[in-house]
Protein backbone atom coordinates (compact mmCIF):
# COMPACT_ATOMS: atom_id res chain seq x y z
CA MET A 1 -12.09 -11.71 1.80
CA LYS A 2 -13.16 -12.90 5.32
CA ASN A 3 -11.21 -15.53 6.86
CA LEU A 4 -13.71 -18.12 8.03
CA LEU A 5 -12.13 -19.95 10.98
CA GLY A 6 -14.76 -22.74 11.02
CA LEU A 7 -14.16 -26.39 11.46
CA VAL A 8 -15.23 -29.22 9.14
CA ILE A 9 -17.69 -31.19 11.69
CA LEU A 10 -18.73 -34.65 10.52
CA GLY A 11 -21.81 -35.94 11.72
CA CYS A 12 -22.35 -39.18 13.54
CA ILE A 13 -22.74 -41.85 11.24
CA LEU A 14 -24.70 -45.23 12.42
CA THR A 15 -22.81 -47.58 10.26
CA SER A 16 -19.68 -47.49 8.28
CA SER A 17 -21.69 -48.51 5.38
CA VAL A 18 -23.81 -45.51 5.47
CA ALA A 19 -20.51 -43.66 5.83
CA LEU A 20 -19.34 -44.85 2.65
CA ALA A 21 -22.45 -44.58 0.77
CA GLU A 22 -23.28 -40.84 1.20
CA PRO A 23 -21.08 -37.63 2.44
CA SER A 24 -21.56 -36.30 5.90
CA LEU A 25 -23.32 -33.16 6.86
CA ILE A 26 -20.77 -30.51 7.08
CA VAL A 27 -20.87 -27.22 8.70
CA VAL A 28 -17.81 -24.96 7.90
CA PHE A 29 -18.72 -21.87 10.13
CA PRO A 30 -19.12 -21.24 12.86
CA LYS A 31 -17.03 -23.82 14.77
CA THR A 32 -17.99 -24.65 18.15
CA ASP A 33 -17.43 -22.36 20.92
CA TYR A 34 -17.19 -19.49 18.32
CA GLN A 35 -17.30 -16.02 19.98
CA THR A 36 -18.79 -12.95 18.23
CA SER A 37 -20.38 -9.67 19.59
CA SER A 38 -22.88 -9.86 16.48
CA GLN A 39 -26.64 -10.00 17.17
CA LYS A 40 -27.06 -12.93 14.70
CA ILE A 41 -24.74 -15.30 12.58
CA PHE A 42 -25.09 -17.37 9.60
CA PHE A 43 -24.25 -21.00 9.30
CA LEU A 44 -22.39 -22.03 6.32
CA GLY A 45 -22.26 -25.64 5.25
CA THR A 46 -23.59 -28.37 2.85
CA ALA A 47 -25.39 -31.82 2.80
CA PRO A 48 -26.53 -34.23 -0.03
CA PRO A 49 -29.43 -32.25 -1.71
CA ASP A 50 -32.04 -34.82 -0.93
CA GLY A 51 -34.00 -34.55 2.40
CA GLU A 52 -34.30 -31.69 4.91
CA VAL A 53 -31.72 -29.95 6.94
CA LEU A 54 -32.90 -28.43 10.14
CA ILE A 55 -31.19 -26.22 12.44
CA ASN A 56 -33.06 -26.25 15.89
CA SER A 57 -35.75 -28.16 14.50
CA LYS A 58 -36.24 -25.32 11.71
CA PRO A 59 -36.08 -26.44 8.33
CA ILE A 60 -33.57 -24.28 6.24
CA ASN A 61 -33.24 -23.49 2.55
CA ARG A 62 -30.64 -25.02 0.34
CA SER A 63 -29.11 -24.58 -3.01
CA LYS A 64 -29.57 -27.22 -5.57
CA ALA A 65 -26.42 -28.57 -4.78
CA GLY A 66 -27.50 -28.90 -1.04
CA HIS A 67 -25.34 -25.88 0.14
CA PHE A 68 -26.92 -23.50 2.96
CA SER A 69 -26.19 -20.23 4.76
CA PRO A 70 -29.17 -19.33 6.91
CA SER A 71 -28.73 -16.68 9.72
CA PHE A 72 -30.07 -17.04 13.42
CA PRO A 73 -30.42 -14.50 16.16
CA LEU A 74 -27.94 -14.63 19.21
CA GLN A 75 -28.80 -13.99 22.84
CA LEU A 76 -26.12 -12.77 25.15
CA GLY A 77 -23.96 -15.80 26.35
CA GLU A 78 -24.16 -19.12 25.18
CA ASN A 79 -26.31 -20.01 22.19
CA LEU A 80 -26.82 -23.91 21.27
CA PHE A 81 -27.59 -25.04 18.00
CA THR A 82 -28.44 -28.60 16.78
CA VAL A 83 -28.02 -29.14 12.90
CA ARG A 84 -29.69 -32.38 12.04
CA ARG A 85 -30.18 -34.18 8.50
CA GLN A 86 -31.86 -37.79 8.75
CA ASN A 87 -29.71 -39.59 11.19
CA GLN A 88 -26.90 -37.12 11.39
CA GLU A 89 -26.64 -34.54 14.16
CA LEU A 90 -24.20 -31.89 15.13
CA LYS A 91 -24.13 -29.75 18.09
CA ILE A 92 -22.60 -26.18 17.97
CA LYS A 93 -22.35 -23.61 20.51
CA VAL A 94 -21.83 -19.95 19.63
CA ILE A 95 -21.05 -17.37 22.54
CA ARG A 96 -22.10 -13.91 21.97
CA VAL A 97 -20.01 -11.53 24.32
CA ASN A 98 -21.14 -8.25 25.57
CA THR A 99 -19.11 -5.41 24.23
CA SER A 100 -20.57 -3.04 26.76
CA PRO A 101 -18.73 -2.55 30.08
CA GLU A 102 -20.56 -4.20 32.85
CA LEU A 103 -21.27 -2.08 36.06
CA PRO A 104 -19.32 -3.30 39.07
CA GLN A 105 -20.88 -4.86 42.00
CA GLY A 106 -20.43 -2.93 45.31
CA VAL A 107 -18.01 0.09 45.91
CA ALA A 108 -15.67 -0.56 43.07
CA PHE A 109 -14.46 0.63 39.57
CA ALA A 110 -15.36 -1.72 36.65
CA LYS A 111 -12.43 -3.80 35.65
CA ASP A 112 -10.02 -2.02 32.95
CA SER A 113 -12.43 1.03 32.84
CA LEU A 114 -9.89 3.74 34.11
CA THR A 115 -8.40 6.02 31.59
CA PRO A 116 -6.00 7.12 30.52
CA ALA A 117 -4.90 3.23 30.29
CA ALA A 118 -1.42 3.98 28.79
CA ASP A 119 1.30 6.58 29.60
CA ILE A 120 0.43 9.85 28.00
CA ALA A 121 2.20 13.34 27.11
CA ARG A 122 0.57 16.54 26.29
CA LEU A 123 1.65 20.17 25.89
CA PRO A 124 0.98 22.59 28.61
CA GLY A 125 -2.70 23.95 28.52
CA GLU A 126 -4.01 20.97 26.63
CA LEU A 127 -6.91 19.08 27.96
CA ILE A 128 -6.24 15.93 29.91
CA CYS A 129 -9.14 13.82 30.12
CA PHE A 130 -10.14 11.01 32.70
CA SER A 131 -12.89 8.51 32.60
CA ALA A 132 -14.20 5.63 34.85
CA ILE A 133 -16.98 3.23 34.98
CA ALA A 134 -18.53 2.91 38.60
CA PRO A 135 -21.88 2.33 40.04
CA PRO A 136 -24.69 5.01 39.58
CA ASN A 137 -25.03 7.85 42.22
CA ALA A 138 -21.47 7.49 43.14
CA ASN A 139 -18.97 10.39 43.83
CA VAL A 140 -16.14 9.95 41.47
CA SER A 141 -12.78 11.96 41.37
CA VAL A 142 -9.13 12.01 40.26
CA THR A 143 -6.32 13.67 42.10
CA LEU A 144 -3.41 14.66 39.94
CA ALA A 145 -0.52 16.77 41.15
CA ASN A 146 -2.34 18.22 44.30
CA GLN A 147 -5.33 19.15 42.08
CA THR A 148 -8.79 17.25 42.35
CA ILE A 149 -10.93 16.84 39.26
CA ALA A 150 -14.52 15.77 39.81
CA LEU A 151 -15.68 13.11 37.26
CA SER A 152 -19.37 13.69 36.30
CA PRO A 153 -22.05 11.14 35.18
CA GLN A 154 -22.40 11.50 31.39
CA PRO A 155 -25.52 11.65 29.22
CA GLN A 156 -26.05 9.15 26.79
CA GLU A 157 -24.19 9.32 23.42
CA ALA A 158 -24.37 7.52 20.33
CA GLN A 159 -22.20 4.47 19.46
CA LEU A 160 -20.78 3.59 16.16
CA PRO A 161 -20.55 0.34 14.61
CA ASN A 162 -17.12 -0.82 13.29
CA ASN A 163 -16.22 -0.32 9.56
CA LEU A 164 -17.37 -3.66 8.27
CA ALA A 165 -20.86 -2.52 8.97
CA ALA A 166 -20.42 -0.76 5.47
CA LEU A 167 -20.35 -3.95 3.93
CA THR A 168 -23.77 -5.20 5.18
CA GLY A 169 -25.26 -1.68 5.02
CA GLN A 170 -26.00 -1.86 9.03
CA ASN A 171 -23.71 1.26 9.84
CA GLN A 172 -26.17 3.40 11.54
CA PRO A 173 -25.31 4.67 15.03
CA TYR A 174 -26.96 2.89 18.01
CA ALA A 175 -27.74 4.15 21.53
CA GLN A 176 -25.81 2.62 24.29
CA SER A 177 -26.73 3.19 28.06
CA SER A 178 -24.20 5.63 29.77
CA VAL A 179 -25.13 4.78 33.20
CA GLY A 180 -22.13 4.66 35.31
CA ASN A 181 -19.98 6.51 32.78
CA TYR A 182 -17.95 9.20 34.51
CA LYS A 183 -15.60 11.64 32.75
CA GLY A 184 -13.82 14.86 33.76
CA CYS A 185 -10.81 17.13 32.29
CA THR A 186 -8.24 19.53 33.34
CA THR A 187 -5.36 21.21 32.12
CA MET A 188 -1.65 21.68 33.53
CA ALA A 189 0.35 24.90 32.67
CA THR A 190 3.97 23.78 33.39
CA ALA A 191 5.91 21.06 32.38
CA ALA A 192 6.25 18.17 34.80
CA ASP A 193 6.34 14.48 35.24
CA LEU A 194 2.90 14.01 37.10
CA GLY A 195 3.01 10.16 37.80
CA LYS A 196 -0.16 8.33 38.02
CA PRO A 197 -3.53 9.56 38.66
CA GLN A 198 -5.44 8.43 41.95
CA PHE A 199 -9.10 7.82 41.28
CA GLN A 200 -11.28 7.87 44.31
CA LEU A 201 -14.92 6.58 44.58
CA THR A 202 -17.35 7.30 47.56
CA LEU A 203 -20.75 5.27 47.81
CA ASN A 204 -22.87 4.72 50.73
CA GLY A 205 -20.30 6.14 53.04
CA LYS A 206 -17.53 3.98 52.00
CA THR A 207 -14.49 5.39 49.86
CA ILE A 208 -11.81 3.57 47.66
CA THR A 209 -8.97 4.81 46.15
CA GLN A 210 -7.14 3.17 42.91
CA PRO A 211 -4.15 4.33 41.10
CA GLY A 212 -4.56 4.86 37.19
CA THR A 213 -2.77 2.62 34.93
CA GLY A 214 -0.87 5.32 32.92
CA LYS A 215 1.64 7.96 33.65
CA ILE A 216 0.98 11.54 32.78
CA GLN A 217 3.78 13.75 31.65
CA ILE A 218 3.61 17.58 30.37
CA LEU A 219 5.85 18.43 27.91
CA SER A 220 8.22 21.47 27.81
CA ARG A 221 7.69 23.44 24.53
CA ALA A 222 11.25 24.46 24.70
CA GLU A 223 12.51 20.99 24.76
CA LEU A 224 10.17 18.88 22.54
CA PRO A 225 11.98 15.75 21.23
CA VAL A 226 12.60 15.46 17.52
CA SER A 227 11.70 11.97 15.96
CA GLU A 228 12.83 10.46 12.69
CA VAL A 229 11.26 7.88 10.55
CA THR A 230 13.61 4.92 10.29
CA VAL A 231 11.42 2.54 8.12
CA GLU A 232 11.09 3.10 4.29
CA SER A 233 7.27 4.16 4.64
CA GLY A 234 6.28 5.21 8.11
CA VAL A 235 2.56 4.84 8.63
CA ALA A 236 0.85 8.33 9.67
CA ARG A 237 -2.53 8.13 11.38
CA THR A 238 -5.23 10.25 12.38
CA GLY A 239 -5.05 9.16 16.03
CA PRO A 240 -2.80 6.85 18.34
CA SER A 241 -3.80 3.17 17.29
CA THR A 242 -4.46 1.28 14.20
CA ASP A 243 -8.15 2.18 14.63
CA TYR A 244 -7.39 5.20 13.05
CA SER A 245 -7.33 6.22 9.39
CA ARG A 246 -4.10 6.24 7.39
CA LEU A 247 -2.66 9.50 5.96
CA THR A 248 0.05 9.78 3.31
CA PRO A 249 3.00 7.58 4.63
CA LEU A 250 6.08 9.39 5.75
CA PRO A 251 9.24 8.72 3.55
CA LYS A 252 12.38 7.44 5.50
CA GLY A 253 14.39 9.99 7.17
CA THR A 254 11.48 12.43 7.64
CA ARG A 255 11.82 14.50 10.80
CA ALA A 256 9.13 16.14 13.07
CA THR A 257 8.70 17.37 16.40
CA VAL A 258 6.91 15.26 19.10
CA THR A 259 3.88 17.17 20.45
CA GLY A 260 2.28 14.23 22.35
CA LYS A 261 2.42 10.78 23.32
CA GLU A 262 -0.05 7.68 24.01
CA GLY A 263 1.48 4.47 25.02
CA GLU A 264 3.71 3.39 22.05
CA TRP A 265 2.32 6.23 19.73
CA LEU A 266 3.75 9.72 19.02
CA ARG A 267 1.85 12.75 17.92
CA LEU A 268 3.89 14.83 15.31
CA ASP A 269 3.83 18.77 14.90
CA TYR A 270 1.74 18.65 11.76
CA GLY A 271 -1.03 16.50 13.39
CA ALA A 272 -0.23 12.90 12.55
CA TRP A 273 0.43 10.04 14.98
CA ILE A 274 2.92 7.40 14.13
CA ASN A 275 4.16 4.30 16.09
CA SER A 276 7.42 4.97 18.11
CA GLN A 277 8.69 1.38 16.71
CA GLU A 278 8.93 3.40 13.28
CA THR A 279 11.16 6.23 14.49
CA ARG A 280 14.11 7.14 16.66
CA ILE A 281 14.68 10.23 18.65
CA LEU A 282 17.43 12.54 17.63
CA PRO A 283 19.13 13.46 20.93
CA GLY A 284 19.73 17.41 20.95
CA ALA A 285 17.90 18.10 17.73
CA ILE A 286 15.93 21.42 17.62
CA VAL A 287 12.37 21.68 15.85
CA PRO A 288 12.77 20.72 12.11
CA GLN A 289 11.93 23.55 10.11
CA THR A 290 12.83 24.54 6.66
CA ILE A 291 12.94 27.07 3.54
CA ILE A 292 12.59 26.13 0.09
CA ARG A 293 14.03 27.94 -2.80
CA SER A 294 14.14 26.66 -6.22
CA VAL A 295 12.54 23.33 -7.50
CA GLY A 296 14.23 21.09 -10.05
CA TYR A 297 13.10 18.12 -12.29
CA ARG A 298 14.43 15.74 -14.66
CA GLN A 299 12.71 13.43 -17.25
CA LEU A 300 13.47 9.83 -16.91
CA PRO A 301 12.13 6.92 -19.36
CA GLY A 302 8.70 6.52 -18.05
CA ALA A 303 8.73 9.13 -15.32
CA THR A 304 9.32 12.69 -14.44
CA GLU A 305 11.31 13.53 -11.15
CA ILE A 306 10.88 16.64 -9.29
CA PHE A 307 13.39 17.88 -6.84
CA PHE A 308 12.50 19.76 -3.84
CA PRO A 309 15.94 20.86 -2.00
CA LEU A 310 15.33 21.25 1.84
CA GLN A 311 17.36 22.05 4.81
CA VAL A 312 15.91 18.93 6.56
CA PRO A 313 13.59 16.14 5.55
CA ILE A 314 10.11 17.53 6.82
CA PRO A 315 6.50 15.58 6.95
CA VAL A 316 4.47 15.72 3.59
CA SER A 317 1.18 14.76 2.13
CA VAL A 318 -0.10 14.03 -1.30
CA GLN A 319 -3.70 14.58 -2.37
CA GLN A 320 -4.74 13.52 -5.99
CA SER A 321 -7.73 15.04 -7.78
CA GLU A 322 -9.07 15.22 -11.36
CA LYS A 323 -5.97 16.41 -13.44
CA ALA A 324 -4.03 17.31 -10.47
CA LEU A 325 -1.74 16.05 -7.75
CA ALA A 326 -0.89 18.29 -4.71
CA LEU A 327 2.08 17.87 -2.55
CA THR A 328 2.20 19.60 0.71
CA LEU A 329 5.23 20.50 2.51
CA TYR A 330 4.80 20.89 6.38
CA ASN A 331 7.06 23.09 8.63
CA THR A 332 8.33 24.90 5.20
CA THR A 333 8.43 28.44 4.36
CA ALA A 334 8.92 29.38 0.55
CA GLN A 335 11.61 31.77 -0.68
CA THR A 336 10.71 30.50 -4.48
CA ASP A 337 11.19 32.85 -7.13
CA ILE A 338 12.05 30.63 -9.93
CA ILE A 339 10.79 27.12 -11.21
CA ARG A 340 11.95 25.51 -14.49
CA LEU A 341 9.47 23.04 -16.18
CA ASP A 342 9.66 22.46 -19.96
CA ASP A 343 7.34 20.49 -22.08
CA ASP A 344 6.50 17.44 -20.20
CA PRO A 345 4.54 14.34 -21.21
CA LEU A 346 2.52 14.31 -17.92
CA ILE A 347 2.59 17.70 -16.66
CA SER A 348 1.18 21.06 -18.06
CA ARG A 349 2.04 23.27 -15.27
CA LEU A 350 3.03 23.63 -11.69
CA ASP A 351 1.62 26.01 -9.21
CA TRP A 352 2.65 26.70 -5.64
CA GLN A 353 1.06 28.61 -2.60
CA GLN A 354 2.11 29.41 0.85
CA GLU A 355 -1.05 28.22 2.38
CA THR A 356 -0.15 28.85 6.03
CA PRO A 357 3.23 30.21 7.57
CA GLU A 358 4.52 26.94 7.78
CA GLN A 359 2.82 25.07 5.08
CA VAL A 360 3.64 25.18 1.15
CA LYS A 361 1.45 23.34 -1.36
CA TYR A 362 2.67 22.50 -4.63
CA THR A 363 0.22 21.68 -7.30
CA PHE A 364 0.97 19.65 -10.49
CA ASN A 365 -1.79 20.51 -13.21
CA LEU A 366 -1.88 17.12 -15.39
CA LYS A 367 -2.49 16.89 -19.25
CA LYS A 368 -4.74 13.97 -18.62
CA ALA A 369 -7.43 13.05 -15.77
CA GLN A 370 -5.83 9.48 -15.48
CA GLN A 371 -2.68 9.26 -13.40
CA TRP A 372 -0.22 6.22 -13.38
CA GLY A 373 1.43 6.29 -10.08
CA TYR A 374 3.94 8.19 -8.18
CA LYS A 375 6.84 7.70 -5.50
CA LEU A 376 7.92 9.87 -2.86
CA ARG A 377 11.75 9.52 -1.17
CA TYR A 378 14.16 11.54 0.40
CA ASP A 379 17.84 11.54 -1.05
CA GLY A 380 19.44 13.17 1.72
CA THR A 381 17.56 16.41 2.57
CA THR A 382 16.12 16.61 -0.88
CA LEU A 383 12.57 15.53 -1.52
CA VAL A 384 12.09 13.58 -4.80
CA LEU A 385 8.61 12.99 -6.31
CA ALA A 386 8.60 10.61 -9.06
CA LEU A 387 5.17 11.03 -11.36
CA ARG A 388 4.89 8.12 -13.74
CA HIS A 389 4.18 8.70 -17.56
CA PRO A 390 1.24 7.20 -19.23
CA PRO A 391 2.10 3.82 -20.48
CA ASN A 392 2.40 3.09 -24.45
CA ILE A 393 -0.93 1.70 -25.13
CA GLY A 394 -1.24 0.08 -28.50
CA ASN A 395 -3.35 1.46 -31.27
CA THR A 396 -5.12 -1.77 -32.45
CA ARG A 397 -7.18 -4.37 -30.84
CA ARG A 398 -4.57 -7.28 -31.23
CA LYS A 399 -1.60 -4.87 -29.86
CA LEU A 400 -3.48 -2.91 -27.32
CA LEU A 401 -1.86 -4.62 -24.44
CA ALA A 402 1.39 -5.33 -26.10
CA ASN A 403 3.73 -2.79 -24.35
CA LEU A 404 1.87 -3.14 -20.83
CA LYS A 405 2.94 -4.99 -17.90
CA ILE A 406 0.37 -5.97 -15.42
CA VAL A 407 0.66 -7.35 -11.98
CA LEU A 408 -1.98 -10.00 -10.90
CA ASP A 409 -2.20 -10.80 -7.24
CA PRO A 410 -3.98 -14.17 -6.29
CA GLY A 411 -5.43 -13.37 -2.72
CA HIS A 412 -4.19 -15.30 0.10
CA GLY A 413 -2.15 -18.61 -0.01
CA GLY A 414 -0.33 -21.16 2.18
CA LYS A 415 -1.66 -20.76 5.84
CA GLU A 416 -3.75 -17.75 4.72
CA SER A 417 -6.66 -19.68 3.43
CA GLY A 418 -8.96 -16.78 3.15
CA ALA A 419 -12.98 -17.41 3.03
CA SER A 420 -14.50 -20.72 2.97
CA GLY A 421 -17.30 -22.18 0.70
CA PRO A 422 -20.05 -24.41 2.28
CA THR A 423 -18.09 -27.57 1.16
CA GLY A 424 -15.01 -26.19 2.84
CA TYR A 425 -13.28 -25.26 -0.56
CA LEU A 426 -11.06 -22.48 0.28
CA GLU A 427 -10.82 -18.91 -1.38
CA LYS A 428 -6.87 -19.27 -1.66
CA ASP A 429 -7.17 -22.02 -4.26
CA VAL A 430 -9.98 -20.70 -6.54
CA ASN A 431 -8.43 -17.07 -6.46
CA LEU A 432 -5.09 -19.04 -8.10
CA VAL A 433 -7.30 -20.87 -10.61
CA VAL A 434 -9.17 -17.80 -11.91
CA SER A 435 -5.73 -15.52 -11.63
CA LYS A 436 -4.00 -18.06 -13.89
CA LEU A 437 -7.00 -18.16 -16.33
CA LEU A 438 -6.75 -14.45 -16.38
CA ARG A 439 -3.02 -14.46 -16.87
CA ASP A 440 -3.14 -16.85 -19.83
CA ASP A 441 -5.89 -14.34 -21.34
CA LEU A 442 -4.06 -11.13 -20.81
CA VAL A 443 -0.85 -12.90 -22.15
CA LYS A 444 -2.78 -13.61 -25.47
CA ARG A 445 -3.83 -9.98 -25.68
CA GLY A 446 0.06 -9.26 -25.61
CA ALA A 447 0.32 -8.18 -22.00
CA THR A 448 3.30 -8.93 -19.79
CA VAL A 449 1.97 -10.49 -16.58
CA VAL A 450 3.70 -10.75 -13.43
CA MET A 451 2.09 -12.96 -10.64
CA THR A 452 2.66 -12.47 -6.99
CA ARG A 453 2.37 -16.13 -6.51
CA GLU A 454 1.95 -18.91 -8.80
CA ASP A 455 1.22 -21.95 -6.50
CA ASP A 456 -0.17 -22.46 -2.84
CA LYS A 457 2.37 -20.67 -0.93
CA GLU A 458 2.09 -17.79 1.48
CA VAL A 459 3.04 -14.26 0.59
CA SER A 460 2.88 -11.58 2.88
CA LEU A 461 0.91 -8.19 2.26
CA ALA A 462 4.23 -6.33 2.38
CA GLU A 463 5.77 -8.55 -0.18
CA ARG A 464 2.86 -8.32 -2.49
CA GLN A 465 2.99 -4.55 -2.14
CA ALA A 466 6.82 -4.57 -2.79
CA ILE A 467 6.15 -6.49 -6.11
CA ILE A 468 4.12 -3.76 -7.30
CA SER A 469 6.51 -1.17 -6.07
CA LYS A 470 9.49 -2.88 -7.86
CA GLU A 471 7.71 -3.96 -11.07
CA GLU A 472 5.85 -0.85 -11.54
CA PRO A 473 3.41 -2.08 -13.81
CA ALA A 474 0.84 -0.06 -15.88
CA ILE A 475 -1.97 -1.64 -13.31
CA ALA A 476 -2.27 -4.16 -10.52
CA ILE A 477 -5.28 -6.12 -9.87
CA SER A 478 -5.72 -8.43 -6.87
CA ILE A 479 -8.09 -11.55 -7.30
CA HIS A 480 -10.32 -12.34 -4.33
CA HIS A 481 -13.67 -14.13 -3.61
CA ASN A 482 -15.96 -12.69 -0.79
CA SER A 483 -17.50 -13.51 2.54
CA LEU A 484 -19.43 -11.48 4.92
CA PRO A 485 -19.01 -10.36 8.61
CA ASP A 486 -21.05 -12.42 11.03
CA ASP A 487 -24.21 -10.65 10.84
CA GLY A 488 -24.15 -10.34 7.23
CA ASP A 489 -27.30 -11.89 5.34
CA ALA A 490 -25.32 -14.56 3.60
CA GLU A 491 -28.16 -16.15 1.86
CA LYS A 492 -29.12 -12.89 0.05
CA THR A 493 -25.83 -11.14 -0.59
CA LYS A 494 -24.07 -12.15 -3.60
CA GLY A 495 -22.54 -10.23 -6.47
CA PHE A 496 -19.08 -8.76 -7.97
CA ALA A 497 -17.45 -6.01 -6.33
CA ALA A 498 -14.42 -3.53 -7.02
CA PHE A 499 -12.43 -1.81 -4.19
CA TRP A 500 -9.96 1.14 -4.54
CA TYR A 501 -8.03 3.54 -2.48
CA GLN A 502 -5.83 5.91 -4.46
CA PRO A 503 -7.90 8.25 -6.58
CA GLN A 504 -5.81 7.21 -9.67
CA ALA A 505 -7.35 3.74 -9.24
CA HIS A 506 -10.80 4.89 -9.16
CA SER A 507 -11.39 5.09 -12.78
CA LEU A 508 -10.22 1.42 -13.43
CA ALA A 509 -12.49 0.02 -10.35
CA MET A 510 -15.70 1.84 -11.70
CA PHE A 511 -15.03 0.40 -15.24
CA LEU A 512 -14.27 -3.05 -14.37
CA GLN A 513 -17.41 -3.20 -11.92
CA THR A 514 -19.66 -1.92 -14.59
CA TYR A 515 -18.29 -3.93 -17.45
CA VAL A 516 -18.11 -7.37 -15.55
CA VAL A 517 -21.49 -7.11 -14.21
CA LYS A 518 -23.16 -6.09 -17.36
CA LYS A 519 -20.93 -8.71 -19.63
CA LEU A 520 -21.89 -11.58 -17.49
CA GLY A 521 -25.24 -10.44 -15.88
CA LYS A 522 -24.12 -10.68 -12.57
CA PRO A 523 -25.41 -8.84 -9.74
CA SER A 524 -23.48 -5.87 -8.49
CA TYR A 525 -22.41 -5.75 -4.94
CA GLY A 526 -20.68 -2.49 -5.37
CA VAL A 527 -17.72 -0.33 -5.58
CA PHE A 528 -15.99 0.61 -2.35
CA TRP A 529 -13.28 3.02 -1.19
CA ASP A 530 -11.36 0.68 1.26
CA ASN A 531 -8.06 0.97 3.12
CA LEU A 532 -6.79 -2.48 1.86
CA ALA A 533 -3.21 -3.45 1.69
CA LEU A 534 -3.57 -4.32 -2.07
CA THR A 535 -5.45 -1.10 -2.75
CA ARG A 536 -3.02 1.17 -1.01
CA PRO A 537 0.09 1.03 -3.46
CA ALA A 538 0.68 4.38 -5.08
CA ALA A 539 3.26 3.20 -7.61
CA ALA A 540 0.31 1.95 -9.72
CA PRO A 541 -3.45 2.17 -10.32
CA SER A 542 -4.26 -0.71 -7.92
CA VAL A 543 -7.56 -2.50 -7.64
CA LEU A 544 -8.94 -5.47 -5.43
CA LEU A 545 -11.63 -7.44 -7.09
CA GLU A 546 -14.33 -9.62 -5.32
CA LEU A 547 -15.42 -11.89 -7.98
CA GLY A 548 -18.44 -13.53 -6.05
CA PHE A 549 -19.39 -14.80 -2.54
CA MET A 550 -17.91 -17.94 -1.08
CA SER A 551 -20.81 -17.58 1.60
CA ASN A 552 -23.65 -17.47 -0.71
CA PRO A 553 -24.87 -20.93 -1.63
CA ASP A 554 -26.16 -20.46 -5.10
CA GLU A 555 -23.24 -17.98 -6.05
CA PHE A 556 -20.77 -20.39 -4.84
CA GLU A 557 -21.84 -22.98 -7.31
CA GLN A 558 -20.75 -20.53 -10.11
CA VAL A 559 -17.72 -19.71 -8.28
CA VAL A 560 -16.41 -23.37 -8.36
CA ASN A 561 -17.84 -24.12 -11.97
CA PRO A 562 -14.87 -24.31 -14.35
CA GLU A 563 -16.82 -22.70 -17.30
CA GLU A 564 -18.07 -19.85 -14.96
CA GLN A 565 -14.36 -19.12 -14.05
CA LYS A 566 -13.29 -19.02 -17.60
CA LYS A 567 -16.17 -16.74 -18.47
CA MET A 568 -15.22 -14.53 -15.50
CA ALA A 569 -11.48 -14.44 -16.43
CA ASP A 570 -12.57 -13.46 -20.17
CA ALA A 571 -14.78 -10.81 -18.80
CA ILE A 572 -12.05 -9.17 -16.63
CA ALA A 573 -9.26 -9.64 -19.34
CA GLN A 574 -11.76 -7.82 -21.83
CA GLY A 575 -12.74 -5.08 -19.22
CA ILE A 576 -9.20 -4.24 -18.66
CA THR A 577 -8.52 -3.97 -22.30
CA GLU A 578 -11.46 -1.80 -22.67
CA TRP A 579 -10.20 0.46 -20.04
CA PHE A 580 -6.96 1.00 -21.52
CA ARG A 581 -8.70 1.80 -24.86
CA SER A 582 -10.90 4.29 -23.03
CA VAL A 583 -7.86 6.13 -21.15
CA ARG A 584 -5.66 5.76 -24.29
């Protein structure tokens, strides 16, 4: 999974005859001058198995084939490492950068510490907060629209590691000094363009004033702009950056009132944020609100389409649960008195509820727990929800997969090399090898298999998602091999892992993880809910499998072993077959 941007560094060989006699000492990761914020880092490489390999004069453990991945602590700044084997020596510099803001020297604000850092817009009465990093014991304030807001020193608060910490089990909060961290908030009652705030700092009798980088606007509640989604699937998030979690994507044409702005991000009336590049403003449009009356449906080969006639396309969200799928319509008031739904292969009953004055929830009670995919779109102002029927699973072992289409996605490809093993062997290559073996096994079992790539070419994540959406397979499987963040324990971490995102894929992920681990006697790395491009597709149950760790010296030897690759492909094919049998 991880893309190791390391260099293959060849050792200095004393004579050309020695160079021809044995391979060089190789360090694949890290490359020299590599920068990281981690407190430690692992070295990934290989050398002929005889003799010792030392890093900073310390002997390291190696696999039978000579591979290694030991970890070493890092101090802030430059860390120099010497990797030696016999007459070969490599020098690698790793730089640990400080992620904590540095206190300024003298009477000054820390560089890039003033917030808001981008232009923002808020509603009247909403909090507008400011922050700055300045020397301790300073007096810090902000002037905005003839109002002066004092910024106070803040008590210590816990800092959170990034999401990758869940992969190493080191995701606990940690304390970080708040010395020099000043914050304060205010409100504004009326609409206005307030311009940039002016920050002021006084220390030891000296005063400086510095303008903020972001302008502040207070929106008029009577004249809020209306945005429309212009892309096929607008990415809705819980906050104004890609660091925030995803919500149900908004179909093209969705309209919503803009209630706030931050940089290029828009806050929509139902609470989500969307990048303005995925929308356009509709001049003169009023607040999008709709009623809903009747709900219609039709059965198609393989799917049931439900029609929600609306006055305007409004935001929606989907929530899957055990034997149910719930669709929430925002800015909507029900005038519904009649719904027709005959006996359906998938749906047992449709319920609805006006949860709030402007929010209607439709719950589809399903006949079986396993769901097989859905699509949302707007046809004009009518919302269309397509629920896929269960596939026609065979009745005998030989014909079980005969009517099923499966999308296989060999991860990475082309310039996207993925992780690297200690020899420099790339993940993209082994992904393709195992995927082809798996394809052949599934075809023998009767399945129709669609590959996202069949050679070493670059296929974008969006293109891979589009293939799943277009093909509408029974399931989609993405094949990968794993690595770790910089501070992971590469020597000890190994095993098979399954990743899912949509609830409809949870059963498949759990089943394959349990089946393959037991069948091959492999260690289990775990089952993860993960926001990945190849787990997000809703058109079919989509699972990403990490078959083993490129970064583990011992497991890497299994990863590149043709016999082990065949066993892995066979086990996954058998697991897929048995899962279909279990949900038939």
